[in-house]
Amino acid sequence: MKPIQMVDLVGQYQKIKPEVDAALQRVLDSTAFINGPEVKEFEKELGAYLGVKHVIGCANGTDALQIAMMALGLKPGDEVITASFTFVATVEVVALLGVVPVFADVLPGTFNLDPADIARKITPKTRAIVPVHLFGQTADMEAIMRIAEEHGLHVIEDNAQAIGADYTFADGTKKKSGAIGHIASTSFFPSKNLGGYGDGGALFTNDDALAKKLRRVCNHGSDVRYFHEVVGVNSRLDSMQAAILRVKLEHLDTYSAARNAAAAFYDKAFAGLENIIVPQRSASSTHVFHQYTLRVTGGHRDGLKQHLEAHGVPAMIYYPVSCHQQNAYKSVRFPEGSLPVTEQLICEVLSLPMSTELDNEQLTHITNTVKGYFNQ
């Protein structure tokens, strides 16, 4: 059996090596390393895939979130509602701008923001909502957009983990994750479902005016070279990453199907297993399984993790400490116990290997090892 990894980037690269190598050679031959043709073509192709008018490449997913907030003109003292059960980047950029992060709880099944708690957290200072499409499926965007419209708020989708997922509205209309809010951001970190071979990110919007602002902020606050309209940043997607991403975009749906097949294998193996809760599928969103995240109840999570690792199966805890409990973001406004679902999940979640390259032998070993822990 091949060694099991959380994400098998080597195996994935080997399958597309000729395409990737040819794409990189095109960039080397052109020497157009910054904002070259590959970047422009990738933006067009990703926009067509997502069904959005504008895709703006940038240096990484964290920058994308910050640029979105800068383009919306958020000011110190404004409030942004987001999840505490997320990677810290979502909250980090809020705090860096002097904006106040306001944490809403998540739903115990999907791990995504609870619209009812979002509504409870709105104040006169609220300016935006940042739903994080965690682990591969879209938050309840119809409810979130309705709340935003009622209160005159902007919605920034953090789509770093769910690119390719489809959201279905009550009337049957479908949209891709990242194509629903006023702005969306994503990351092309190598382990992402659509990942490059270095850092990279992008922003999406259907709003022409917002697209112009986003591009301006990315480019030192400038529309015309050496003339700066606003304070901006230097954040660009380089041509080599764009060339690689163009190749991988063509395979994204195949990758999603492979991840779903692995998830179905896990589901079947764990059916009826006490102390294991498999990932809930949202009624309104497909799942692209950036992570396959179990809830392990009865205090068994850490013991199971150690057992897996002792048998050659990596496992990760996403996330061991919620943002509102991090020293950098603690606030009297969110004391211990203020987000009960979030605080329960951080004691229970465990992510198993999830990769486009997992084979049946590896999946059998992983699932047998999980079941073996409970049959000791």
Protein backbone atom coordinates (compact mmCIF):
# COMPACT_ATOMS: atom_id res chain seq x y z
CA MET A 1 0.00 0.00 0.00
CA LYS A 2 1.20 3.48 -0.82
CA PRO A 3 1.86 5.73 2.21
CA ILE A 4 -1.28 7.66 3.11
CA GLN A 5 -1.16 11.46 3.12
CA MET A 6 -3.79 14.03 4.03
CA VAL A 7 -3.43 15.39 0.48
CA ASP A 8 -1.40 13.55 -2.18
CA LEU A 9 -0.07 16.41 -4.28
CA VAL A 10 2.73 14.25 -5.73
CA GLY A 11 0.29 11.67 -7.09
CA GLN A 12 -1.98 14.37 -8.46
CA TYR A 13 0.91 16.13 -10.21
CA GLN A 14 2.15 12.92 -11.81
CA LYS A 15 -1.21 12.46 -13.55
CA ILE A 16 -1.16 15.94 -15.09
CA LYS A 17 2.61 16.39 -15.37
CA PRO A 18 2.80 16.86 -19.16
CA GLU A 19 0.06 19.52 -19.09
CA VAL A 20 1.58 21.38 -16.14
CA ASP A 21 5.11 21.24 -17.51
CA ALA A 22 3.95 22.58 -20.88
CA ALA A 23 2.04 25.40 -19.17
CA LEU A 24 5.07 26.43 -17.15
CA GLN A 25 7.25 26.34 -20.24
CA ARG A 26 4.85 28.74 -21.97
CA VAL A 27 5.38 31.25 -19.19
CA LEU A 28 9.15 30.83 -19.24
CA ASP A 29 9.20 31.31 -22.99
CA SER A 30 7.05 34.44 -22.77
CA THR A 31 8.85 35.91 -19.72
CA ALA A 32 5.51 37.61 -18.91
CA PHE A 33 5.74 36.73 -15.23
CA ILE A 34 3.41 39.39 -13.78
CA ASN A 35 -0.11 40.02 -15.12
CA GLY A 36 0.77 38.16 -18.28
CA PRO A 37 -1.61 36.45 -20.72
CA GLU A 38 -1.90 33.36 -18.50
CA VAL A 39 -3.39 35.45 -15.68
CA LYS A 40 -5.89 37.12 -17.97
CA GLU A 41 -6.94 33.82 -19.56
CA PHE A 42 -7.28 32.12 -16.18
CA GLU A 43 -9.50 34.93 -14.90
CA LYS A 44 -11.76 34.55 -17.95
CA GLU A 45 -11.92 30.76 -17.68
CA LEU A 46 -12.61 30.74 -13.94
CA GLY A 47 -15.27 33.42 -14.41
CA ALA A 48 -16.99 31.26 -17.05
CA TYR A 49 -16.83 28.21 -14.77
CA LEU A 50 -18.30 30.07 -11.79
CA GLY A 51 -20.78 32.14 -13.76
CA VAL A 52 -19.45 35.48 -12.53
CA LYS A 53 -18.62 38.56 -14.58
CA HIS A 54 -15.35 39.45 -12.89
CA VAL A 55 -12.47 37.39 -11.46
CA ILE A 56 -9.55 39.36 -10.05
CA GLY A 57 -6.43 37.40 -9.25
CA CYS A 58 -4.34 38.32 -6.21
CA ALA A 59 -1.43 37.01 -4.15
CA ASN A 60 -3.29 34.79 -1.66
CA GLY A 61 -6.65 34.14 -0.04
CA THR A 62 -5.96 36.27 3.00
CA ASP A 63 -5.19 39.26 0.78
CA ALA A 64 -8.41 38.58 -1.10
CA LEU A 65 -10.48 38.97 2.05
CA GLN A 66 -8.67 42.15 3.05
CA ILE A 67 -8.98 43.67 -0.43
CA ALA A 68 -12.71 42.92 -0.44
CA MET A 69 -13.17 44.80 2.82
CA MET A 70 -11.03 47.70 1.65
CA ALA A 71 -13.01 47.97 -1.59
CA LEU A 72 -16.24 48.10 0.42
CA GLY A 73 -14.82 51.03 2.41
CA LEU A 74 -15.04 49.38 5.84
CA LYS A 75 -13.73 51.70 8.54
CA PRO A 76 -12.37 51.22 12.05
CA GLY A 77 -15.26 50.63 14.43
CA ASP A 78 -17.48 49.04 11.79
CA GLU A 79 -18.60 45.50 12.60
CA VAL A 80 -18.39 42.37 10.47
CA ILE A 81 -20.24 39.20 11.41
CA THR A 82 -18.41 35.95 10.73
CA ALA A 83 -17.70 32.53 12.18
CA SER A 84 -15.36 31.74 15.03
CA PHE A 85 -15.11 28.15 13.79
CA THR A 86 -12.80 28.89 10.86
CA PHE A 87 -9.15 29.40 9.98
CA VAL A 88 -7.90 32.60 11.57
CA ALA A 89 -7.33 34.46 8.28
CA THR A 90 -11.03 35.29 8.07
CA VAL A 91 -10.87 37.16 11.37
CA GLU A 92 -7.30 38.39 11.03
CA VAL A 93 -8.03 40.70 8.12
CA VAL A 94 -11.04 42.18 9.94
CA ALA A 95 -8.87 43.09 12.92
CA LEU A 96 -6.00 44.38 10.76
CA LEU A 97 -8.34 47.00 9.29
CA GLY A 98 -9.52 48.08 12.75
CA VAL A 99 -12.92 46.59 12.02
CA VAL A 100 -14.60 44.66 14.83
CA PRO A 101 -15.16 40.91 14.33
CA VAL A 102 -18.54 39.80 15.67
CA PHE A 103 -18.84 36.05 16.03
CA ALA A 104 -21.98 34.10 15.20
CA ASP A 105 -22.38 30.44 16.04
CA VAL A 106 -22.49 27.65 13.47
CA LEU A 107 -24.87 24.80 12.79
CA PRO A 108 -23.80 21.48 14.35
CA GLY A 109 -24.43 19.48 11.17
CA THR A 110 -22.87 21.52 8.36
CA PHE A 111 -20.44 23.58 10.51
CA ASN A 112 -21.53 26.68 8.58
CA LEU A 113 -22.91 29.95 9.99
CA ASP A 114 -26.33 29.79 11.61
CA PRO A 115 -28.49 32.46 9.91
CA ALA A 116 -30.64 32.83 13.03
CA ASP A 117 -27.57 33.72 15.10
CA ILE A 118 -26.36 36.13 12.41
CA ALA A 119 -29.66 37.98 12.72
CA ARG A 120 -29.28 38.15 16.50
CA LYS A 121 -25.79 39.68 16.22
CA ILE A 122 -26.69 42.61 13.95
CA THR A 123 -26.24 46.08 15.47
CA PRO A 124 -26.31 49.62 14.02
CA LYS A 125 -22.56 49.23 13.44
CA THR A 126 -22.81 46.08 11.33
CA ARG A 127 -21.60 46.59 7.77
CA ALA A 128 -20.97 43.12 6.36
CA ILE A 129 -21.40 39.38 6.80
CA VAL A 130 -18.62 36.93 5.92
CA PRO A 131 -19.99 33.39 5.63
CA VAL A 132 -17.23 30.77 5.44
CA HIS A 133 -18.15 27.82 3.22
CA LEU A 134 -16.41 25.39 5.51
CA PHE A 135 -14.95 22.02 4.48
CA GLY A 136 -16.58 22.03 1.03
CA GLN A 137 -20.23 23.01 1.12
CA THR A 138 -21.96 26.35 0.90
CA ALA A 139 -23.52 28.13 3.86
CA ASP A 140 -27.27 28.87 3.75
CA MET A 141 -26.78 31.72 1.32
CA GLU A 142 -30.44 32.31 0.52
CA ALA A 143 -31.17 33.05 4.18
CA ILE A 144 -27.97 35.07 4.59
CA MET A 145 -28.62 37.21 1.51
CA ARG A 146 -32.18 37.84 2.72
CA ILE A 147 -30.86 39.04 6.10
CA ALA A 148 -28.26 41.22 4.37
CA GLU A 149 -30.86 42.82 2.11
CA GLU A 150 -33.19 43.54 5.04
CA HIS A 151 -30.40 45.36 6.89
CA GLY A 152 -28.50 46.92 3.99
CA LEU A 153 -25.37 44.82 4.51
CA HIS A 154 -22.73 43.50 2.14
CA VAL A 155 -21.93 39.79 1.94
CA ILE A 156 -18.39 38.56 1.32
CA GLU A 157 -18.25 34.82 0.69
CA ASP A 158 -15.11 33.12 2.01
CA ASN A 159 -14.99 30.45 -0.68
CA ALA A 160 -11.49 29.11 0.00
CA GLN A 161 -12.77 25.60 0.81
CA ALA A 162 -15.81 25.11 -1.43
CA ILE A 163 -14.89 26.11 -4.96
CA GLY A 164 -16.97 24.07 -7.38
CA ALA A 165 -19.90 23.49 -5.02
CA ASP A 166 -23.41 24.22 -6.32
CA TYR A 167 -26.03 26.03 -4.26
CA THR A 168 -29.73 25.56 -5.04
CA PHE A 169 -32.25 28.24 -4.09
CA ALA A 170 -35.83 27.51 -3.01
CA ASP A 171 -37.10 28.30 -6.53
CA GLY A 172 -34.71 25.78 -8.10
CA THR A 173 -32.17 28.35 -9.31
CA LYS A 174 -28.58 27.13 -9.02
CA LYS A 175 -25.40 29.12 -8.56
CA LYS A 176 -21.82 28.19 -7.86
CA SER A 177 -20.40 28.97 -4.44
CA GLY A 178 -18.67 32.32 -4.72
CA ALA A 179 -21.21 33.61 -7.25
CA ILE A 180 -23.92 34.58 -4.77
CA GLY A 181 -22.64 37.32 -2.45
CA HIS A 182 -21.62 40.85 -3.39
CA ILE A 183 -17.97 39.73 -3.38
CA ALA A 184 -16.31 36.36 -2.85
CA SER A 185 -12.74 35.42 -2.12
CA THR A 186 -10.78 32.22 -2.57
CA SER A 187 -7.34 30.77 -1.97
CA PHE A 188 -5.22 28.73 -4.33
CA PHE A 189 -2.99 27.35 -1.57
CA PRO A 190 -1.59 24.01 -2.83
CA SER A 191 -3.81 21.81 -0.66
CA LYS A 192 -7.03 23.47 -1.83
CA ASN A 193 -9.36 21.66 -4.24
CA LEU A 194 -8.18 24.11 -6.91
CA GLY A 195 -4.63 24.69 -5.70
CA GLY A 196 -1.52 26.08 -7.31
CA TYR A 197 2.10 25.25 -6.58
CA GLY A 198 2.59 28.28 -4.36
CA ASP A 199 0.47 31.06 -2.95
CA GLY A 200 -2.38 32.60 -4.89
CA GLY A 201 -5.90 33.90 -4.49
CA ALA A 202 -8.77 35.61 -6.28
CA LEU A 203 -11.87 37.73 -5.86
CA PHE A 204 -15.20 37.32 -7.66
CA THR A 205 -18.04 39.75 -8.24
CA ASN A 206 -20.86 40.47 -10.65
CA ASP A 207 -20.79 44.19 -9.80
CA ASP A 208 -18.86 46.27 -12.37
CA ALA A 209 -18.19 49.13 -9.96
CA LEU A 210 -16.96 46.81 -7.23
CA ALA A 211 -14.72 45.00 -9.72
CA LYS A 212 -13.04 48.28 -10.61
CA LYS A 213 -12.47 49.06 -6.93
CA LEU A 214 -11.08 45.58 -6.26
CA ARG A 215 -8.59 45.83 -9.13
CA ARG A 216 -7.59 49.31 -7.98
CA VAL A 217 -6.93 48.18 -4.40
CA CYS A 218 -4.89 45.18 -5.65
CA ASN A 219 -2.70 47.51 -7.70
CA HIS A 220 -1.46 50.04 -5.13
CA GLY A 221 -4.76 51.93 -5.29
CA SER A 222 -4.06 52.82 -8.90
CA ASP A 223 -5.99 52.66 -12.18
CA VAL A 224 -3.28 54.41 -14.18
CA ARG A 225 0.37 53.78 -13.42
CA TYR A 226 1.90 56.29 -10.96
CA PHE A 227 -1.50 57.85 -10.19
CA HIS A 228 -3.00 56.56 -6.93
CA GLU A 229 -6.65 57.21 -6.15
CA VAL A 230 -6.91 55.33 -2.85
CA VAL A 231 -4.68 53.50 -0.39
CA GLY A 232 -4.08 50.09 -1.87
CA VAL A 233 -1.84 47.05 -1.62
CA ASN A 234 0.47 45.13 -3.92
CA SER A 235 -1.25 41.79 -4.42
CA ARG A 236 -1.00 39.95 -7.72
CA LEU A 237 -1.43 36.39 -8.96
CA ASP A 238 1.76 35.49 -10.80
CA SER A 239 1.67 34.01 -14.28
CA MET A 240 3.19 30.65 -13.34
CA GLN A 241 0.49 29.99 -10.76
CA ALA A 242 -2.17 31.09 -13.24
CA ALA A 243 -0.80 28.70 -15.87
CA ILE A 244 -0.91 25.78 -13.42
CA LEU A 245 -4.40 26.74 -12.27
CA ARG A 246 -5.67 26.84 -15.86
CA VAL A 247 -4.62 23.19 -16.20
CA LYS A 248 -6.14 22.15 -12.89
CA LEU A 249 -9.40 24.03 -13.50
CA GLU A 250 -10.08 21.65 -16.40
CA HIS A 251 -9.88 18.75 -13.92
CA LEU A 252 -11.78 20.37 -11.03
CA ASP A 253 -15.09 18.58 -11.54
CA THR A 254 -13.26 15.25 -11.87
CA TYR A 255 -11.42 16.02 -8.63
CA SER A 256 -14.72 16.81 -6.90
CA ALA A 257 -16.19 13.51 -8.11
CA ALA A 258 -13.17 11.59 -6.76
CA ARG A 259 -13.50 13.31 -3.39
CA ASN A 260 -17.20 12.46 -3.28
CA ALA A 261 -16.42 8.83 -4.05
CA ALA A 262 -13.96 8.71 -1.15
CA ALA A 263 -16.52 10.38 1.11
CA ALA A 264 -19.16 7.81 0.12
CA PHE A 265 -16.70 5.01 0.98
CA TYR A 266 -16.14 6.56 4.41
CA ASP A 267 -19.88 7.05 4.98
CA LYS A 268 -20.69 3.43 4.21
CA ALA A 269 -17.88 2.11 6.40
CA PHE A 270 -18.90 4.23 9.39
CA ALA A 271 -22.67 3.71 9.13
CA GLY A 272 -24.06 2.86 12.54
CA LEU A 273 -20.69 3.19 14.28
CA GLU A 274 -21.22 4.50 17.79
CA ASN A 275 -19.39 7.75 18.66
CA ILE A 276 -18.89 8.65 14.99
CA ILE A 277 -21.04 11.27 13.23
CA VAL A 278 -20.29 11.50 9.51
CA PRO A 279 -20.46 14.86 7.71
CA GLN A 280 -23.99 16.11 7.15
CA ARG A 281 -24.87 17.07 3.59
CA SER A 282 -26.71 20.36 3.24
CA ALA A 283 -30.11 20.15 1.57
CA SER A 284 -29.25 23.18 -0.57
CA SER A 285 -25.57 22.66 -1.44
CA THR A 286 -23.46 19.99 -3.06
CA HIS A 287 -20.29 19.04 -1.20
CA VAL A 288 -16.81 19.10 -2.74
CA PHE A 289 -15.11 17.70 0.38
CA HIS A 290 -12.15 19.93 0.90
CA GLN A 291 -12.11 18.02 4.17
CA TYR A 292 -13.94 14.92 5.33
CA THR A 293 -14.58 15.89 8.93
CA LEU A 294 -16.07 13.53 11.49
CA ARG A 295 -17.54 14.41 14.84
CA VAL A 296 -16.12 11.96 17.37
CA THR A 297 -18.25 11.93 20.51
CA GLY A 298 -17.83 10.45 23.99
CA GLY A 299 -14.38 11.98 24.52
CA HIS A 300 -12.76 9.64 21.97
CA ARG A 301 -11.46 12.22 19.48
CA ASP A 302 -7.87 12.54 20.73
CA GLY A 303 -7.52 8.83 21.39
CA LEU A 304 -8.74 8.02 17.88
CA LYS A 305 -6.31 10.51 16.39
CA GLN A 306 -3.38 8.90 18.22
CA HIS A 307 -4.55 5.42 17.19
CA LEU A 308 -4.78 6.45 13.53
CA GLU A 309 -1.34 8.01 13.49
CA ALA A 310 0.16 4.92 15.17
CA HIS A 311 -1.18 2.89 12.23
CA GLY A 312 0.10 5.15 9.46
CA VAL A 313 -3.05 7.22 8.99
CA PRO A 314 -2.64 10.99 9.30
CA ALA A 315 -5.54 12.91 10.82
CA MET A 316 -5.96 16.60 11.51
CA ILE A 317 -8.04 18.73 13.85
CA TYR A 318 -9.55 21.68 11.99
CA TYR A 319 -9.71 23.67 14.26
CA PRO A 320 -8.40 22.94 17.79
CA VAL A 321 -9.03 26.48 19.09
CA SER A 322 -11.86 28.69 17.87
CA CYS A 323 -11.10 32.28 16.91
CA HIS A 324 -13.00 33.83 19.84
CA GLN A 325 -10.83 31.76 22.22
CA GLN A 326 -7.52 32.77 20.61
CA ASN A 327 -5.43 35.17 22.68
CA ALA A 328 -5.30 37.63 19.78
CA TYR A 329 -9.10 37.89 19.49
CA LYS A 330 -10.50 37.30 22.97
CA SER A 331 -13.19 39.78 23.94
CA VAL A 332 -15.49 40.28 26.90
CA ARG A 333 -18.23 40.31 24.31
CA PHE A 334 -17.62 36.61 23.61
CA PRO A 335 -16.80 34.86 26.88
CA GLU A 336 -16.50 31.12 27.35
CA GLY A 337 -19.85 29.53 26.59
CA SER A 338 -21.07 32.30 24.29
CA LEU A 339 -20.83 30.12 21.16
CA PRO A 340 -21.87 26.71 22.45
CA VAL A 341 -21.95 24.81 19.16
CA THR A 342 -18.54 26.12 18.12
CA GLU A 343 -17.09 25.26 21.52
CA GLN A 344 -18.48 21.73 21.32
CA LEU A 345 -17.20 21.15 17.79
CA ILE A 346 -13.60 22.04 18.59
CA CYS A 347 -13.61 19.15 21.07
CA GLU A 348 -15.08 16.65 18.59
CA VAL A 349 -13.96 17.31 15.00
CA LEU A 350 -11.39 15.13 13.27
CA SER A 351 -10.55 15.23 9.57
CA LEU A 352 -9.48 12.08 7.73
CA PRO A 353 -7.29 11.98 4.60
CA MET A 354 -9.15 13.44 1.63
CA SER A 355 -7.48 13.46 -1.73
CA THR A 356 -8.21 12.90 -5.39
CA GLU A 357 -5.63 10.08 -5.33
CA LEU A 358 -6.99 7.90 -2.51
CA ASP A 359 -7.42 4.29 -3.66
CA ASN A 360 -9.58 1.48 -2.26
CA GLU A 361 -6.66 -0.15 -0.46
CA GLN A 362 -5.87 3.06 1.38
CA LEU A 363 -9.53 3.78 2.14
CA THR A 364 -10.00 0.25 3.47
CA HIS A 365 -6.99 0.63 5.75
CA ILE A 366 -8.20 4.00 7.02
CA THR A 367 -11.74 2.84 7.75
CA ASN A 368 -10.62 -0.47 9.30
CA THR A 369 -8.25 1.45 11.54
CA VAL A 370 -11.06 3.74 12.72
CA LYS A 371 -13.32 0.77 13.43
CA GLY A 372 -10.45 -1.07 15.09
CA TYR A 373 -10.08 1.68 17.66
CA PHE A 374 -13.65 1.19 18.81
CA ASN A 375 -13.36 -2.61 18.80
CA GLN A 376 -10.33 -2.79 21.08
